[in-house]
Amino acid sequence: MPAFKDPDVYRDILDSLQIGVGVLDLQKKIVFWSDGATEITGYERIDVLGHLCTDSVLQHCNQECCEMCAEKCPISSALHGGKPLETISFIHHKSGHRTPVHIWAIPLRSKHGSIIGVILTFEGEVALNGPHPNDQRMKELGWLDLLTGLPNQFMMQSHLRETLGTFADLHIPFAVVVVELRELSGFRARYGQEAATSMLKVLARTLRNSVWPTDFVGRWSESQFLVVLCGCGEEALQAVVDRMHRMMSNANIVWWGEELALKALIGYSDAIEGDTVDALVGRAQQRLSGNQAQATKAASASGSSTA
């Protein structure tokens, strides 16, 4: 048989692509899954073939609304509209975080012209934002946190001082957000260090995927992360924080068959004239402490009501 009449050749071609390729039937069951799709999502063929796209794998969400379902889903839109659809969205990675992707949903037609499914192609975050040119250099200089790969506290303090200097000279607004993984010590004691490490990595990726590439996300302490929101004033700050809450509420890890939700607290503050690093971060930490007290009080009240 001539080489290009062998169907396995075309499967090999699809598997060699750097983008992800999936094919879904009219019931939205996954019938094809490329190696590139596994690389981007973490899901192997055995995890997805024969499953509905809504079974955790391809639950879509954008930065405004998690879970783009029904008429907003690019797969549904392509099936019902009969036209290719392009979008920037998020998918649920097997490790628990949301990862940004560039999606094309293309109707698949039979030789008679009727729609029989959807071809889904998606490119991961490197294709969206490109690799950070300074990552390797920052690693060599000891500026990256070894666990998460994000800038460490030393690098974050340096960046904050620089941003405050620009703010003083040019009055370009910015804000900081402190995010803390709740009860990390208790979580580690119950599930072990490996589970705690996985949860910290999921939180790091979720935060990075919740903000724009121009924003700065780093590790601040063992259980805390710091986000520097460039060009973000007081009015926009609440919207960004709400987006972070939505993204984190959909993040989790699966540990020995148990789905463990990501639980985090947020504190934030916009920069004001005369700010120092300590003053700015201190206000965000103070708000976080207040939210922590409220969460503890609510948990105690819930425990009392069920006793």
Protein backbone atom coordinates (compact mmCIF):
# COMPACT_ATOMS: atom_id res chain seq x y z
CA MET A 1 0.00 0.00 0.00
CA PRO A 2 1.39 3.49 -0.88
CA ALA A 3 2.59 5.26 2.27
CA PHE A 4 0.06 8.11 2.14
CA LYS A 5 -2.86 5.73 1.78
CA ASP A 6 -2.03 4.20 5.14
CA PRO A 7 -4.28 5.85 7.81
CA ASP A 8 -1.59 5.33 10.46
CA VAL A 9 0.61 7.82 8.60
CA TYR A 10 -1.92 10.57 9.20
CA ARG A 11 -2.22 9.63 12.87
CA ASP A 12 1.56 9.91 13.13
CA ILE A 13 1.42 13.33 11.47
CA LEU A 14 -1.19 14.57 13.95
CA ASP A 15 0.80 13.17 16.87
CA SER A 16 3.95 14.95 15.73
CA LEU A 17 2.30 18.39 15.83
CA GLN A 18 3.24 20.71 18.70
CA ILE A 19 -0.41 21.73 19.12
CA GLY A 20 -3.13 19.62 20.71
CA VAL A 21 -5.71 17.96 18.47
CA GLY A 22 -8.91 16.32 19.63
CA VAL A 23 -11.98 15.07 17.74
CA LEU A 24 -15.44 14.92 19.31
CA ASP A 25 -18.61 13.32 17.98
CA LEU A 26 -22.09 14.86 17.99
CA GLN A 27 -22.62 13.80 21.61
CA LYS A 28 -19.36 15.59 22.50
CA LYS A 29 -17.57 12.34 23.26
CA ILE A 30 -13.85 12.39 22.59
CA VAL A 31 -12.91 9.94 19.80
CA PHE A 32 -9.37 11.12 19.03
CA TRP A 33 -6.66 12.61 21.25
CA SER A 34 -3.18 13.52 20.01
CA ASP A 35 0.16 13.39 21.83
CA GLY A 36 0.17 17.21 21.74
CA ALA A 37 -3.18 17.25 23.54
CA THR A 38 -1.69 15.06 26.26
CA GLU A 39 1.34 17.35 26.57
CA ILE A 40 -0.81 20.46 27.02
CA THR A 41 -3.54 19.03 29.29
CA GLY A 42 -1.77 16.24 31.18
CA TYR A 43 -4.53 13.78 30.20
CA GLU A 44 -3.52 10.55 28.43
CA ARG A 45 -5.69 8.91 25.76
CA ILE A 46 -6.84 6.29 28.25
CA ASP A 47 -8.17 9.13 30.45
CA VAL A 48 -10.33 10.77 27.79
CA LEU A 49 -11.30 8.51 24.88
CA GLY A 50 -15.00 7.71 25.05
CA HIS A 51 -15.62 10.35 27.70
CA LEU A 52 -17.74 13.48 27.33
CA CYS A 53 -15.76 16.68 27.00
CA THR A 54 -17.47 17.96 30.17
CA ASP A 55 -15.98 15.15 32.28
CA SER A 56 -13.35 17.47 33.82
CA VAL A 57 -11.09 17.39 30.76
CA LEU A 58 -12.34 20.22 28.56
CA GLN A 59 -14.35 22.31 31.00
CA HIS A 60 -13.82 25.73 29.52
CA CYS A 61 -13.69 29.03 31.31
CA ASN A 62 -12.41 32.47 30.49
CA GLN A 63 -11.08 35.11 32.87
CA GLU A 64 -14.53 36.55 33.40
CA CYS A 65 -16.53 33.37 33.97
CA CYS A 66 -15.45 29.86 34.88
CA GLU A 67 -17.30 27.05 33.16
CA MET A 68 -18.21 28.29 29.68
CA CYS A 69 -21.07 25.91 29.06
CA ALA A 70 -24.12 25.57 26.83
CA GLU A 71 -24.27 28.27 24.17
CA LYS A 72 -20.99 29.86 25.29
CA CYS A 73 -18.98 26.67 24.79
CA PRO A 74 -16.82 26.86 21.62
CA ILE A 75 -17.55 23.20 20.86
CA SER A 76 -21.34 23.73 21.08
CA SER A 77 -21.07 26.92 19.02
CA ALA A 78 -19.16 25.14 16.27
CA LEU A 79 -21.63 22.23 16.23
CA HIS A 80 -24.71 24.43 16.13
CA GLY A 81 -23.36 27.29 14.03
CA GLY A 82 -21.54 25.15 11.49
CA LYS A 83 -18.60 27.56 11.32
CA PRO A 84 -15.06 27.46 12.75
CA LEU A 85 -14.68 29.36 16.02
CA GLU A 86 -11.51 30.83 17.51
CA THR A 87 -11.18 31.80 21.17
CA ILE A 88 -8.71 32.31 24.00
CA SER A 89 -9.88 30.29 26.97
CA PHE A 90 -8.79 28.03 29.83
CA ILE A 91 -8.93 24.28 30.24
CA HIS A 92 -8.69 22.10 33.30
CA HIS A 93 -5.19 20.57 33.54
CA LYS A 94 -4.94 17.09 35.05
CA SER A 95 -2.78 18.43 37.88
CA GLY A 96 -5.67 20.65 39.02
CA HIS A 97 -4.96 24.16 37.77
CA ARG A 98 -6.48 26.04 34.86
CA THR A 99 -4.18 26.57 31.90
CA PRO A 100 -4.67 29.16 29.12
CA VAL A 101 -5.10 27.92 25.57
CA HIS A 102 -5.72 29.29 22.08
CA ILE A 103 -8.61 27.18 20.73
CA TRP A 104 -9.97 26.51 17.27
CA ALA A 105 -13.23 24.52 17.16
CA ILE A 106 -13.86 23.39 13.57
CA PRO A 107 -16.98 21.51 12.40
CA LEU A 108 -16.16 18.09 10.96
CA ARG A 109 -18.31 17.17 7.97
CA SER A 110 -19.02 13.92 6.16
CA LYS A 111 -18.49 13.61 2.40
CA HIS A 112 -22.18 14.53 2.06
CA GLY A 113 -21.67 17.82 3.92
CA SER A 114 -23.48 16.99 7.17
CA ILE A 115 -21.76 17.79 10.48
CA ILE A 116 -20.58 14.63 12.22
CA GLY A 117 -18.41 16.16 14.95
CA VAL A 118 -15.88 18.82 15.88
CA ILE A 119 -12.12 19.04 15.44
CA LEU A 120 -10.57 20.86 18.39
CA THR A 121 -7.06 22.28 18.18
CA PHE A 122 -5.42 24.13 21.05
CA GLU A 123 -2.07 25.69 21.79
CA GLY A 124 -0.74 26.05 25.30
CA GLU A 125 0.48 29.04 27.29
CA VAL A 126 3.96 29.13 25.72
CA ALA A 127 2.30 29.66 22.35
CA LEU A 128 0.16 32.41 23.90
CA ASN A 129 2.76 34.32 25.86
CA GLY A 130 6.06 32.89 24.68
CA PRO A 131 8.80 31.63 26.99
CA HIS A 132 10.10 34.22 29.41
CA PRO A 133 13.53 35.23 28.04
CA ASN A 134 14.96 35.73 31.54
CA ASP A 135 13.81 32.47 33.16
CA GLN A 136 17.11 30.61 32.74
CA ARG A 137 19.18 33.62 33.73
CA MET A 138 16.99 34.22 36.80
CA LYS A 139 17.37 30.57 37.79
CA GLU A 140 21.16 30.79 37.48
CA LEU A 141 21.21 33.89 39.68
CA GLY A 142 19.05 32.24 42.36
CA TRP A 143 16.07 34.54 41.83
CA LEU A 144 13.50 31.79 41.28
CA ASP A 145 11.64 29.75 43.87
CA LEU A 146 12.74 26.15 43.34
CA LEU A 147 9.34 24.62 44.16
CA THR A 148 7.09 26.74 41.93
CA GLY A 149 9.50 28.24 39.40
CA LEU A 150 8.14 31.71 40.20
CA PRO A 151 10.29 34.67 41.29
CA ASN A 152 11.29 34.33 44.95
CA GLN A 153 10.85 36.89 47.73
CA PHE A 154 14.17 38.59 47.00
CA MET A 155 13.16 39.11 43.37
CA MET A 156 9.67 40.28 44.34
CA GLN A 157 11.06 42.87 46.77
CA SER A 158 13.41 44.17 44.08
CA HIS A 159 10.56 44.40 41.57
CA LEU A 160 8.32 46.17 44.09
CA ARG A 161 11.00 48.79 44.83
CA GLU A 162 11.40 49.40 41.10
CA THR A 163 7.64 49.66 40.55
CA LEU A 164 7.26 52.05 43.48
CA GLY A 165 9.98 54.23 41.98
CA THR A 166 8.13 54.35 38.67
CA PHE A 167 4.91 55.13 40.53
CA ALA A 168 6.56 58.05 42.35
CA ASP A 169 7.98 59.48 39.09
CA LEU A 170 5.17 58.84 36.60
CA HIS A 171 2.12 58.12 38.81
CA ILE A 172 1.30 54.92 36.93
CA PRO A 173 -1.16 53.08 39.21
CA PHE A 174 -0.49 49.57 40.44
CA ALA A 175 -1.65 47.26 43.21
CA VAL A 176 -0.50 44.21 45.13
CA VAL A 177 -2.41 41.08 46.09
CA VAL A 178 -1.26 38.67 48.82
CA VAL A 179 -2.65 35.14 48.49
CA GLU A 180 -2.23 32.59 51.27
CA LEU A 181 -2.85 28.86 51.09
CA ARG A 182 -5.07 28.24 54.11
CA GLU A 183 -3.91 26.02 56.97
CA LEU A 184 -0.85 24.74 55.09
CA SER A 185 0.67 23.13 58.21
CA GLY A 186 -2.52 21.23 58.99
CA PHE A 187 -2.91 20.18 55.36
CA ARG A 188 0.68 18.91 55.31
CA ALA A 189 0.18 17.01 58.58
CA ARG A 190 -2.94 15.31 57.25
CA TYR A 191 -1.95 14.53 53.66
CA GLY A 192 1.85 14.70 53.66
CA GLN A 193 4.53 16.91 52.15
CA GLU A 194 4.01 15.70 48.57
CA ALA A 195 0.33 16.68 48.63
CA ALA A 196 1.21 20.08 50.12
CA THR A 197 3.79 20.62 47.38
CA SER A 198 1.24 19.72 44.71
CA MET A 199 -1.28 22.16 46.16
CA LEU A 200 1.29 24.98 46.27
CA LYS A 201 2.17 24.32 42.63
CA VAL A 202 -1.51 24.38 41.64
CA LEU A 203 -1.99 27.70 43.47
CA ALA A 204 1.10 29.15 41.76
CA ARG A 205 -0.10 28.15 38.30
CA THR A 206 -3.66 29.31 39.00
CA LEU A 207 -2.43 32.77 40.03
CA ARG A 208 -0.14 33.04 37.02
CA ASN A 209 -3.02 32.08 34.73
CA SER A 210 -5.45 34.50 36.42
CA VAL A 211 -3.56 37.69 35.50
CA TRP A 212 -2.04 39.23 32.39
CA PRO A 213 1.49 38.39 31.20
CA THR A 214 2.57 41.93 32.15
CA ASP A 215 1.68 41.32 35.81
CA PHE A 216 4.24 39.87 38.23
CA VAL A 217 3.56 36.79 40.36
CA GLY A 218 6.00 35.38 42.90
CA ARG A 219 6.48 33.36 46.08
CA TRP A 220 6.47 35.58 49.17
CA SER A 221 6.74 33.06 52.01
CA GLU A 222 6.15 29.37 52.65
CA SER A 223 2.38 29.67 52.31
CA GLN A 224 1.98 33.05 50.60
CA PHE A 225 2.26 34.42 47.07
CA LEU A 226 2.45 38.03 45.97
CA VAL A 227 0.95 39.45 42.78
CA VAL A 228 1.94 42.88 41.43
CA LEU A 229 -0.78 44.21 39.14
CA CYS A 230 0.68 46.72 36.71
CA GLY A 231 -1.50 49.67 35.67
CA CYS A 232 -4.24 48.54 38.04
CA GLY A 233 -5.97 51.26 40.01
CA GLU A 234 -8.46 51.07 42.85
CA GLU A 235 -11.52 50.64 40.61
CA ALA A 236 -10.09 47.72 38.60
CA LEU A 237 -8.55 46.00 41.62
CA GLN A 238 -11.77 44.47 42.94
CA ALA A 239 -12.59 42.99 39.52
CA VAL A 240 -9.17 41.31 39.35
CA VAL A 241 -9.53 39.95 42.89
CA ASP A 242 -12.98 38.56 42.04
CA ARG A 243 -11.48 36.85 38.99
CA MET A 244 -8.79 35.27 41.17
CA HIS A 245 -11.45 34.00 43.57
CA ARG A 246 -13.36 32.37 40.69
CA MET A 247 -10.26 30.76 39.25
CA MET A 248 -9.12 29.42 42.62
CA SER A 249 -12.57 28.05 43.43
CA ASN A 250 -12.23 25.75 40.40
CA ALA A 251 -8.71 24.51 41.24
CA ASN A 252 -7.99 21.24 43.04
CA ILE A 253 -5.75 18.21 43.26
CA VAL A 254 -6.76 14.56 43.32
CA TRP A 255 -4.94 12.74 46.10
CA TRP A 256 -5.38 8.98 46.55
CA GLY A 257 -8.81 9.17 44.95
CA GLU A 258 -9.93 12.16 47.02
CA GLU A 259 -10.55 15.51 45.34
CA LEU A 260 -9.00 18.24 47.49
CA ALA A 261 -10.17 21.77 46.80
CA LEU A 262 -7.77 24.69 46.79
CA LYS A 263 -8.53 26.93 49.78
CA ALA A 264 -6.86 30.31 49.83
CA LEU A 265 -7.30 33.76 51.37
CA ILE A 266 -6.71 37.06 49.61
CA GLY A 267 -5.60 40.47 50.84
CA TYR A 268 -4.90 43.43 48.57
CA SER A 269 -4.08 47.12 48.39
CA ASP A 270 -3.45 49.74 45.72
CA ALA A 271 -0.34 51.89 45.89
CA ILE A 272 -0.59 55.39 47.37
CA GLU A 273 1.80 58.33 47.40
CA GLY A 274 4.75 57.89 49.75
CA ASP A 275 4.38 54.11 49.93
CA THR A 276 7.23 51.79 50.84
CA VAL A 277 7.39 48.07 50.16
CA ASP A 278 6.64 47.31 53.81
CA ALA A 279 3.72 49.76 53.97
CA LEU A 280 2.09 48.56 50.75
CA VAL A 281 2.44 44.86 51.47
CA GLY A 282 1.52 45.49 55.11
CA ARG A 283 -1.89 46.90 54.14
CA ALA A 284 -2.56 43.87 51.95
CA GLN A 285 -1.46 41.56 54.77
CA GLN A 286 -3.75 43.39 57.19
CA ARG A 287 -6.74 42.87 54.89
CA LEU A 288 -5.77 39.20 54.53
CA SER A 289 -5.67 38.84 58.32
CA GLY A 290 -9.14 40.34 58.54
CA ASN A 291 -10.43 37.89 55.93
CA GLN A 292 -8.76 35.05 57.81
CA ALA A 293 -10.54 36.05 61.03
CA GLN A 294 -13.87 36.12 59.19
CA ALA A 295 -13.23 32.70 57.64
CA THR A 296 -12.31 31.23 61.04
CA LYS A 297 -15.44 32.73 62.63
CA ALA A 298 -17.63 31.38 59.83
CA ALA A 299 -16.08 27.91 60.16
CA SER A 300 -16.65 27.94 63.93
CA ALA A 301 -20.29 29.00 63.50
CA SER A 302 -20.80 26.25 60.93
CA GLY A 303 -19.28 23.67 63.27
CA SER A 304 -21.51 24.80 66.14
CA SER A 305 -24.67 24.60 64.05
CA THR A 306 -23.95 21.01 62.99
CA ALA A 307 -22.90 19.82 66.45
